[in-house]
Amino acid sequence: NDGSLVMDTRFVKASGGCSAPAGKDA
């Protein structure tokens, strides 16, 4: 609320999630 910014990070090993086909029949 005072406008300050803080950040935490993690590195994730994964690939193809956004372009993967849908898991169910359309």
PDB file of all heavy atoms in Angstrom:
ATOM      1  N   ASN A   1       0.806  -1.222   0.000  1.00  0.00           N
ATOM      2  CA  ASN A   1       0.000   0.000   0.000  1.00  0.00           C
ATOM      3  C   ASN A   1       0.841   1.275   0.000  1.00  0.00           C
ATOM      4  O   ASN A   1       0.353   2.343  -0.366  1.00  0.00           O
ATOM      5  CB  ASN A   1      -0.956   0.010   1.191  1.00  0.00           C
ATOM      6  CG  ASN A   1      -0.225  -0.039   2.529  1.00  0.00           C
ATOM      7  OD1 ASN A   1       0.599  -0.910   2.757  1.00  0.00           O
ATOM      8  ND2 ASN A   1      -0.539   0.882   3.427  1.00  0.00           N
ATOM      9  N   ASP A   2       2.123   1.179   0.365  1.00  0.00           N
ATOM     10  CA  ASP A   2       2.986   2.358   0.308  1.00  0.00           C
ATOM     11  C   ASP A   2       3.672   2.508  -1.047  1.00  0.00           C
ATOM     12  O   ASP A   2       4.510   3.397  -1.234  1.00  0.00           O
ATOM     13  CB  ASP A   2       4.028   2.318   1.431  1.00  0.00           C
ATOM     14  CG  ASP A   2       4.971   1.108   1.324  1.00  0.00           C
ATOM     15  OD1 ASP A   2       4.857   0.333   0.343  1.00  0.00           O
ATOM     16  OD2 ASP A   2       5.811   0.937   2.229  1.00  0.00           O
ATOM     17  N   GLY A   3       3.322   1.617  -1.996  1.00  0.00           N
ATOM     18  CA  GLY A   3       3.884   1.700  -3.334  1.00  0.00           C
ATOM     19  C   GLY A   3       5.160   0.915  -3.538  1.00  0.00           C
ATOM     20  O   GLY A   3       5.660   0.820  -4.669  1.00  0.00           O
ATOM     21  N   SER A   4       5.716   0.340  -2.480  1.00  0.00           N
ATOM     22  CA  SER A   4       6.953  -0.434  -2.621  1.00  0.00           C
ATOM     23  C   SER A   4       6.685  -1.764  -3.304  1.00  0.00           C
ATOM     24  O   SER A   4       5.587  -2.321  -3.229  1.00  0.00           O
ATOM     25  CB  SER A   4       7.595  -0.667  -1.249  1.00  0.00           C
ATOM     26  OG  SER A   4       6.723  -1.390  -0.398  1.00  0.00           O
ATOM     27  N   LEU A   5       7.709  -2.283  -4.005  1.00  0.00           N
ATOM     28  CA  LEU A   5       7.616  -3.541  -4.737  1.00  0.00           C
ATOM     29  C   LEU A   5       8.614  -4.546  -4.179  1.00  0.00           C
ATOM     30  O   LEU A   5       9.761  -4.196  -3.875  1.00  0.00           O
ATOM     31  CB  LEU A   5       7.920  -3.331  -6.225  1.00  0.00           C
ATOM     32  CG  LEU A   5       7.011  -2.379  -7.009  1.00  0.00           C
ATOM     33  CD1 LEU A   5       7.590  -2.133  -8.401  1.00  0.00           C
ATOM     34  CD2 LEU A   5       5.601  -2.949  -7.116  1.00  0.00           C
ATOM     35  N   VAL A   6       8.185  -5.803  -4.065  1.00  0.00           N
ATOM     36  CA  VAL A   6       9.082  -6.896  -3.668  1.00  0.00           C
ATOM     37  C   VAL A   6       8.835  -8.078  -4.591  1.00  0.00           C
ATOM     38  O   VAL A   6       7.762  -8.204  -5.185  1.00  0.00           O
ATOM     39  CB  VAL A   6       8.882  -7.318  -2.197  1.00  0.00           C
ATOM     40  CG1 VAL A   6       9.156  -6.154  -1.261  1.00  0.00           C
ATOM     41  CG2 VAL A   6       7.477  -7.872  -1.978  1.00  0.00           C
ATOM     42  N   MET A   7       9.842  -8.952  -4.717  1.00  0.00           N
ATOM     43  CA  MET A   7       9.723 -10.051  -5.677  1.00  0.00           C
ATOM     44  C   MET A   7      10.351 -11.326  -5.137  1.00  0.00           C
ATOM     45  O   MET A   7      11.407 -11.302  -4.501  1.00  0.00           O
ATOM     46  CB  MET A   7      10.402  -9.664  -6.996  1.00  0.00           C
ATOM     47  CG  MET A   7      10.411 -10.758  -8.051  1.00  0.00           C
ATOM     48  SD  MET A   7      11.024 -10.157  -9.666  1.00  0.00           S
ATOM     49  CE  MET A   7      12.752  -9.852  -9.285  1.00  0.00           C
ATOM     50  N   ASP A   8       9.671 -12.447  -5.414  1.00  0.00           N
ATOM     51  CA  ASP A   8      10.227 -13.775  -5.159  1.00  0.00           C
ATOM     52  C   ASP A   8      10.210 -14.535  -6.477  1.00  0.00           C
ATOM     53  O   ASP A   8       9.310 -14.330  -7.316  1.00  0.00           O
ATOM     54  CB  ASP A   8       9.408 -14.512  -4.095  1.00  0.00           C
ATOM     55  CG  ASP A   8      10.156 -15.714  -3.519  1.00  0.00           C
ATOM     56  OD1 ASP A   8      11.384 -15.799  -3.719  1.00  0.00           O
ATOM     57  OD2 ASP A   8       9.514 -16.567  -2.875  1.00  0.00           O
ATOM     58  N   THR A   9      11.189 -15.411  -6.703  1.00  0.00           N
ATOM     59  CA  THR A   9      11.297 -16.108  -7.988  1.00  0.00           C
ATOM     60  C   THR A   9      11.540 -17.603  -7.790  1.00  0.00           C
ATOM     61  O   THR A   9      12.055 -18.037  -6.762  1.00  0.00           O
ATOM     62  CB  THR A   9      12.450 -15.541  -8.845  1.00  0.00           C
ATOM     63  OG1 THR A   9      13.703 -15.818  -8.197  1.00  0.00           O
ATOM     64  CG2 THR A   9      12.307 -14.046  -9.045  1.00  0.00           C
ATOM     65  N   ARG A  10      11.163 -18.360  -8.801  1.00  0.00           N
ATOM     66  CA  ARG A  10      11.472 -19.781  -8.901  1.00  0.00           C
ATOM     67  C   ARG A  10      11.755 -20.105 -10.370  1.00  0.00           C
ATOM     68  O   ARG A  10      11.182 -19.480 -11.263  1.00  0.00           O
ATOM     69  CB  ARG A  10      10.304 -20.651  -8.401  1.00  0.00           C
ATOM     70  CG  ARG A  10       9.988 -20.518  -6.934  1.00  0.00           C
ATOM     71  CD  ARG A  10      11.070 -21.128  -6.052  1.00  0.00           C
ATOM     72  NE  ARG A  10      10.711 -21.052  -4.637  1.00  0.00           N
ATOM     73  CZ  ARG A  10      10.980 -20.014  -3.845  1.00  0.00           C
ATOM     74  NH1 ARG A  10      11.581 -18.942  -4.347  1.00  0.00           N
ATOM     75  NH2 ARG A  10      10.642 -20.038  -2.573  1.00  0.00           N
ATOM     76  N   PHE A  11      12.615 -21.093 -10.611  1.00  0.00           N
ATOM     77  CA  PHE A  11      12.861 -21.543 -11.982  1.00  0.00           C
ATOM     78  C   PHE A  11      12.105 -22.847 -12.184  1.00  0.00           C
ATOM     79  O   PHE A  11      12.223 -23.779 -11.392  1.00  0.00           O
ATOM     80  CB  PHE A  11      14.349 -21.755 -12.245  1.00  0.00           C
ATOM     81  CG  PHE A  11      14.665 -21.987 -13.704  1.00  0.00           C
ATOM     82  CD1 PHE A  11      14.746 -20.921 -14.583  1.00  0.00           C
ATOM     83  CD2 PHE A  11      14.839 -23.269 -14.197  1.00  0.00           C
ATOM     84  CE1 PHE A  11      15.017 -21.117 -15.931  1.00  0.00           C
ATOM     85  CE2 PHE A  11      15.108 -23.481 -15.538  1.00  0.00           C
ATOM     86  CZ  PHE A  11      15.198 -22.399 -16.407  1.00  0.00           C
ATOM     87  N   VAL A  12      11.304 -22.892 -13.252  1.00  0.00           N
ATOM     88  CA  VAL A  12      10.451 -24.054 -13.524  1.00  0.00           C
ATOM     89  C   VAL A  12      10.859 -24.697 -14.845  1.00  0.00           C
ATOM     90  O   VAL A  12      10.976 -24.021 -15.870  1.00  0.00           O
ATOM     91  CB  VAL A  12       8.961 -23.640 -13.588  1.00  0.00           C
ATOM     92  CG1 VAL A  12       8.091 -24.830 -13.982  1.00  0.00           C
ATOM     93  CG2 VAL A  12       8.508 -23.081 -12.240  1.00  0.00           C
ATOM     94  N   LYS A  13      11.071 -26.005 -14.795  1.00  0.00           N
ATOM     95  CA  LYS A  13      11.396 -26.767 -16.001  1.00  0.00           C
ATOM     96  C   LYS A  13      10.109 -27.386 -16.548  1.00  0.00           C
ATOM     97  O   LYS A  13       9.566 -28.323 -15.969  1.00  0.00           O
ATOM     98  CB  LYS A  13      12.424 -27.853 -15.691  1.00  0.00           C
ATOM     99  CG  LYS A  13      13.764 -27.303 -15.215  1.00  0.00           C
ATOM    100  CD  LYS A  13      14.746 -28.429 -14.898  1.00  0.00           C
ATOM    101  CE  LYS A  13      16.085 -27.855 -14.430  1.00  0.00           C
ATOM    102  NZ  LYS A  13      17.058 -28.933 -14.112  1.00  0.00           N
ATOM    103  N   ALA A  14       9.615 -26.828 -17.626  1.00  0.00           N
ATOM    104  CA  ALA A  14       8.401 -27.324 -18.291  1.00  0.00           C
ATOM    105  C   ALA A  14       8.403 -26.758 -19.697  1.00  0.00           C
ATOM    106  O   ALA A  14       9.002 -25.715 -19.954  1.00  0.00           O
ATOM    107  CB  ALA A  14       7.148 -26.885 -17.552  1.00  0.00           C
ATOM    108  N   SER A  15       7.723 -27.437 -20.622  1.00  0.00           N
ATOM    109  CA  SER A  15       7.696 -26.926 -22.000  1.00  0.00           C
ATOM    110  C   SER A  15       6.443 -27.402 -22.716  1.00  0.00           C
ATOM    111  O   SER A  15       5.948 -28.507 -22.483  1.00  0.00           O
ATOM    112  CB  SER A  15       8.943 -27.374 -22.773  1.00  0.00           C
ATOM    113  OG  SER A  15       9.044 -28.778 -22.821  1.00  0.00           O
ATOM    114  N   GLY A  16       5.923 -26.511 -23.593  1.00  0.00           N
ATOM    115  CA  GLY A  16       4.790 -26.854 -24.447  1.00  0.00           C
ATOM    116  C   GLY A  16       3.433 -26.649 -23.835  1.00  0.00           C
ATOM    117  O   GLY A  16       2.419 -27.023 -24.432  1.00  0.00           O
ATOM    118  N   GLY A  17       3.344 -26.027 -22.656  1.00  0.00           N
ATOM    119  CA  GLY A  17       2.055 -25.915 -21.980  1.00  0.00           C
ATOM    120  C   GLY A  17       1.064 -25.003 -22.677  1.00  0.00           C
ATOM    121  O   GLY A  17      -0.135 -25.295 -22.711  1.00  0.00           O
ATOM    122  N   CYS A  18       1.523 -23.900 -23.267  1.00  0.00           N
ATOM    123  CA  CYS A  18       0.607 -22.957 -23.925  1.00  0.00           C
ATOM    124  C   CYS A  18       0.142 -23.468 -25.281  1.00  0.00           C
ATOM    125  O   CYS A  18      -0.947 -23.113 -25.745  1.00  0.00           O
ATOM    126  CB  CYS A  18       1.279 -21.595 -24.093  1.00  0.00           C
ATOM    127  SG  CYS A  18       1.703 -20.794 -22.537  1.00  0.00           S
ATOM    128  N   SER A  19       0.970 -24.280 -25.934  1.00  0.00           N
ATOM    129  CA  SER A  19       0.631 -24.785 -27.265  1.00  0.00           C
ATOM    130  C   SER A  19       0.156 -26.230 -27.239  1.00  0.00           C
ATOM    131  O   SER A  19      -0.051 -26.837 -28.291  1.00  0.00           O
ATOM    132  CB  SER A  19       1.849 -24.660 -28.193  1.00  0.00           C
ATOM    133  OG  SER A  19       2.988 -25.293 -27.622  1.00  0.00           O
ATOM    134  N   ALA A  20      -0.050 -26.777 -26.039  1.00  0.00           N
ATOM    135  CA  ALA A  20      -0.529 -28.152 -25.927  1.00  0.00           C
ATOM    136  C   ALA A  20      -1.997 -28.243 -26.320  1.00  0.00           C
ATOM    137  O   ALA A  20      -2.771 -27.315 -26.063  1.00  0.00           O
ATOM    138  CB  ALA A  20      -0.352 -28.658 -24.496  1.00  0.00           C
ATOM    139  N   PRO A  21      -2.418 -29.337 -26.973  1.00  0.00           N
ATOM    140  CA  PRO A  21      -3.832 -29.488 -27.325  1.00  0.00           C
ATOM    141  C   PRO A  21      -4.695 -29.601 -26.087  1.00  0.00           C
ATOM    142  O   PRO A  21      -4.227 -29.974 -25.008  1.00  0.00           O
ATOM    143  CB  PRO A  21      -3.853 -30.792 -28.140  1.00  0.00           C
ATOM    144  CG  PRO A  21      -2.638 -31.538 -27.703  1.00  0.00           C
ATOM    145  CD  PRO A  21      -1.607 -30.491 -27.387  1.00  0.00           C
ATOM    146  N   ALA A  22      -5.967 -29.275 -26.241  1.00  0.00           N
ATOM    147  CA  ALA A  22      -6.908 -29.331 -25.123  1.00  0.00           C
ATOM    148  C   ALA A  22      -7.008 -30.748 -24.578  1.00  0.00           C
ATOM    149  O   ALA A  22      -6.886 -31.725 -25.316  1.00  0.00           O
ATOM    150  CB  ALA A  22      -8.274 -28.840 -25.566  1.00  0.00           C
ATOM    151  N   GLY A  23      -7.248 -30.820 -23.271  1.00  0.00           N
ATOM    152  CA  GLY A  23      -7.315 -32.127 -22.642  1.00  0.00           C
ATOM    153  C   GLY A  23      -8.634 -32.832 -22.850  1.00  0.00           C
ATOM    154  O   GLY A  23      -8.752 -34.028 -22.624  1.00  0.00           O
ATOM    155  N   LYS A  24      -9.670 -32.093 -23.293  1.00  0.00           N
ATOM    156  CA  LYS A  24     -10.985 -32.688 -23.468  1.00  0.00           C
ATOM    157  C   LYS A  24     -11.522 -32.386 -24.860  1.00  0.00           C
ATOM    158  O   LYS A  24     -11.039 -31.494 -25.557  1.00  0.00           O
ATOM    159  CB  LYS A  24     -11.958 -32.156 -22.413  1.00  0.00           C
ATOM    160  CG  LYS A  24     -11.628 -32.574 -20.989  1.00  0.00           C
ATOM    161  CD  LYS A  24     -12.689 -32.091 -20.024  1.00  0.00           C
ATOM    162  CE  LYS A  24     -12.402 -32.550 -18.596  1.00  0.00           C
ATOM    163  NZ  LYS A  24     -13.435 -32.094 -17.643  1.00  0.00           N
ATOM    164  N   ASP A  25     -12.528 -33.162 -25.264  1.00  0.00           N
ATOM    165  CA  ASP A  25     -13.200 -32.918 -26.527  1.00  0.00           C
ATOM    166  C   ASP A  25     -13.783 -31.509 -26.536  1.00  0.00           C
ATOM    167  O   ASP A  25     -14.396 -31.071 -25.567  1.00  0.00           O
ATOM    168  CB  ASP A  25     -14.311 -33.962 -26.708  1.00  0.00           C
ATOM    169  CG  ASP A  25     -15.117 -33.720 -27.966  1.00  0.00           C
ATOM    170  OD1 ASP A  25     -14.637 -34.088 -29.053  1.00  0.00           O
ATOM    171  OD2 ASP A  25     -16.217 -33.156 -27.848  1.00  0.00           O
ATOM    172  N   ALA A  26     -13.593 -30.795 -27.665  1.00  0.00           N
ATOM    173  CA  ALA A  26     -14.016 -29.392 -27.748  1.00  0.00           C
ATOM    174  C   ALA A  26     -15.521 -29.241 -27.541  1.00  0.00           C
ATOM    175  O   ALA A  26     -15.971 -28.327 -26.842  1.00  0.00           O
ATOM    176  CB  ALA A  26     -13.595 -28.802 -29.088  1.00  0.00           C
TER     177      ALA A  26
END
